Amino acid sequence: MSHPIERVTATPAALEMLATLRARHGPLMFFQSGGCCDGSAPMCYAAGDFAVSDTDVYLGELDGVPFYMGGEQFAYWAHTQLIIDVVQGNGGMFSLDNGTGRRFLTRSRLFTDQELARLSPAPRGPVSA
């Protein structure tokens, strides 16, 4: 039996950070746009604090936390798996990791041809829980 291919995954350090932020802020969500500065980093928000549009793409969940990306940015990243990690530093101005001394960081790897053939289309717009 083959396992589904995930478009977004997280390192153990990122999952630990998510658990800490969830304990402080309740349900969470991620958004990564193609903007400059803070917008090029994965931004963690309290669920509902960022309005997802019909052009945004739902990539999956990280321990129950939905992860979205701007549609235009997804066009560039559709062939990669995003790996959310945590490193030392300051988070984005509006991201909940700001002020913790650590920040989320997106790493990536190219999907193999076999993985690309097995990928399901990524839905656009808000996904209900």
Protein backbone atom coordinates (compact mmCIF):
# COMPACT_ATOMS: atom_id res chain seq x y z
CA MET A 1 0.00 0.00 0.00
CA SER A 2 1.46 3.36 -0.96
CA HIS A 3 1.25 6.34 1.35
CA PRO A 4 -0.14 9.66 0.11
CA ILE A 5 2.41 12.21 -0.96
CA GLU A 6 2.32 15.25 1.32
CA ARG A 7 2.84 18.69 -0.17
CA VAL A 8 3.89 20.08 3.22
CA THR A 9 5.57 18.37 6.17
CA ALA A 10 7.22 19.53 9.38
CA THR A 11 10.35 18.66 11.29
CA PRO A 12 10.08 17.52 14.91
CA ALA A 13 11.32 20.98 15.99
CA ALA A 14 8.53 22.67 14.02
CA LEU A 15 5.91 20.33 15.49
CA GLU A 16 7.21 21.11 18.98
CA MET A 17 6.96 24.85 18.27
CA LEU A 18 3.41 24.37 16.96
CA ALA A 19 2.44 22.59 20.18
CA THR A 20 3.86 25.47 22.24
CA LEU A 21 2.06 28.10 20.16
CA ARG A 22 -1.21 26.12 20.21
CA ALA A 23 -1.06 25.97 24.02
CA ARG A 24 -0.71 29.78 24.12
CA HIS A 25 -3.05 30.81 21.30
CA GLY A 26 -5.47 27.96 20.60
CA PRO A 27 -6.12 26.67 17.06
CA LEU A 28 -3.60 27.84 14.46
CA MET A 29 -3.14 28.23 10.70
CA PHE A 30 -0.21 28.87 8.34
CA PHE A 31 0.05 31.04 5.26
CA GLN A 32 2.99 31.49 2.93
CA SER A 33 2.78 34.09 0.19
CA GLY A 34 5.21 35.08 -2.51
CA GLY A 35 5.80 38.51 -1.04
CA CYS A 36 9.08 39.93 0.10
CA CYS A 37 10.37 40.17 3.64
CA ASP A 38 7.95 38.55 6.10
CA GLY A 39 5.73 37.27 3.29
CA SER A 40 8.41 34.91 2.04
CA ALA A 41 8.45 33.05 5.38
CA PRO A 42 5.76 30.70 6.65
CA MET A 43 3.55 32.83 8.85
CA CYS A 44 1.68 31.24 11.77
CA TYR A 45 -1.57 32.88 12.85
CA ALA A 46 -4.36 32.12 15.27
CA ALA A 47 -7.03 30.29 13.25
CA GLY A 48 -9.18 32.85 11.46
CA ASP A 49 -6.79 35.78 11.94
CA PHE A 50 -5.77 35.63 8.26
CA ALA A 51 -8.43 35.68 5.55
CA VAL A 52 -7.81 32.94 3.00
CA SER A 53 -9.07 33.83 -0.48
CA ASP A 54 -10.45 31.71 -3.29
CA THR A 55 -7.12 32.03 -5.12
CA ASP A 56 -5.06 30.65 -2.23
CA VAL A 57 -4.06 26.98 -2.26
CA TYR A 58 -4.51 24.52 0.60
CA LEU A 59 -1.38 22.35 0.83
CA GLY A 60 -2.31 20.17 3.79
CA GLU A 61 -2.00 20.10 7.56
CA LEU A 62 0.83 20.05 10.04
CA ASP A 63 -0.42 18.27 13.16
CA GLY A 64 -3.93 19.54 12.45
CA VAL A 65 -2.82 23.06 11.48
CA PRO A 66 -3.95 23.99 7.94
CA PHE A 67 -1.26 25.35 5.63
CA TYR A 68 -2.08 27.69 2.73
CA MET A 69 -0.01 29.36 0.03
CA GLY A 70 -0.81 32.21 -2.33
CA GLY A 71 -1.92 30.88 -5.72
CA GLU A 72 0.73 32.71 -7.73
CA GLN A 73 3.46 31.44 -5.41
CA PHE A 74 2.09 27.90 -5.66
CA ALA A 75 2.59 28.01 -9.43
CA TYR A 76 6.35 28.20 -8.72
CA TRP A 77 6.39 25.67 -5.86
CA ALA A 78 3.94 23.03 -7.16
CA HIS A 79 6.80 20.65 -7.99
CA THR A 80 8.31 20.80 -4.48
CA GLN A 81 7.54 19.42 -1.08
CA LEU A 82 7.71 22.11 1.60
CA ILE A 83 9.41 21.11 4.83
CA ILE A 84 8.63 23.50 7.67
CA ASP A 85 11.46 23.78 10.17
CA VAL A 86 12.43 26.05 13.08
CA VAL A 87 15.68 28.00 13.39
CA GLN A 88 17.03 30.62 15.77
CA GLY A 89 15.96 34.17 14.96
CA ASN A 90 13.02 36.53 14.90
CA GLY A 91 9.74 35.50 13.36
CA GLY A 92 7.73 37.59 10.95
CA MET A 93 6.15 40.71 12.39
CA PHE A 94 2.62 39.26 12.42
CA SER A 95 3.54 35.61 12.91
CA LEU A 96 2.97 34.04 16.32
CA ASP A 97 6.57 32.80 16.41
CA ASN A 98 7.73 36.44 16.68
CA GLY A 99 9.25 37.10 20.09
CA THR A 100 10.09 33.47 20.87
CA GLY A 101 13.72 33.67 19.73
CA ARG A 102 12.93 31.07 17.07
CA ARG A 103 11.21 31.31 13.72
CA PHE A 104 9.63 29.03 11.17
CA LEU A 105 11.60 28.44 7.97
CA THR A 106 10.58 26.70 4.76
CA ARG A 107 12.95 24.17 3.28
CA SER A 108 12.05 22.27 0.13
CA ARG A 109 12.87 19.31 -2.02
CA LEU A 110 11.84 18.49 -5.56
CA PHE A 111 9.25 15.78 -5.96
CA THR A 112 10.40 12.80 -7.99
CA ASP A 113 8.60 12.10 -11.27
CA GLN A 114 6.88 9.16 -9.58
CA GLU A 115 5.70 11.36 -6.69
CA LEU A 116 4.43 14.04 -9.08
CA ALA A 117 2.37 11.40 -10.89
CA ARG A 118 0.74 10.38 -7.58
CA LEU A 119 0.00 13.90 -6.26
CA SER A 120 -3.60 14.92 -5.91
CA PRO A 121 -4.57 18.40 -7.12
CA ALA A 122 -4.25 21.02 -4.39
CA PRO A 123 -7.63 22.62 -3.59
CA ARG A 124 -8.06 26.38 -3.76
CA GLY A 125 -9.73 28.56 -1.19
CA PRO A 126 -10.63 27.92 2.45
CA VAL A 127 -10.98 24.29 3.47
CA SER A 128 -13.49 23.51 6.19
CA ALA A 129 -12.33 21.39 9.10
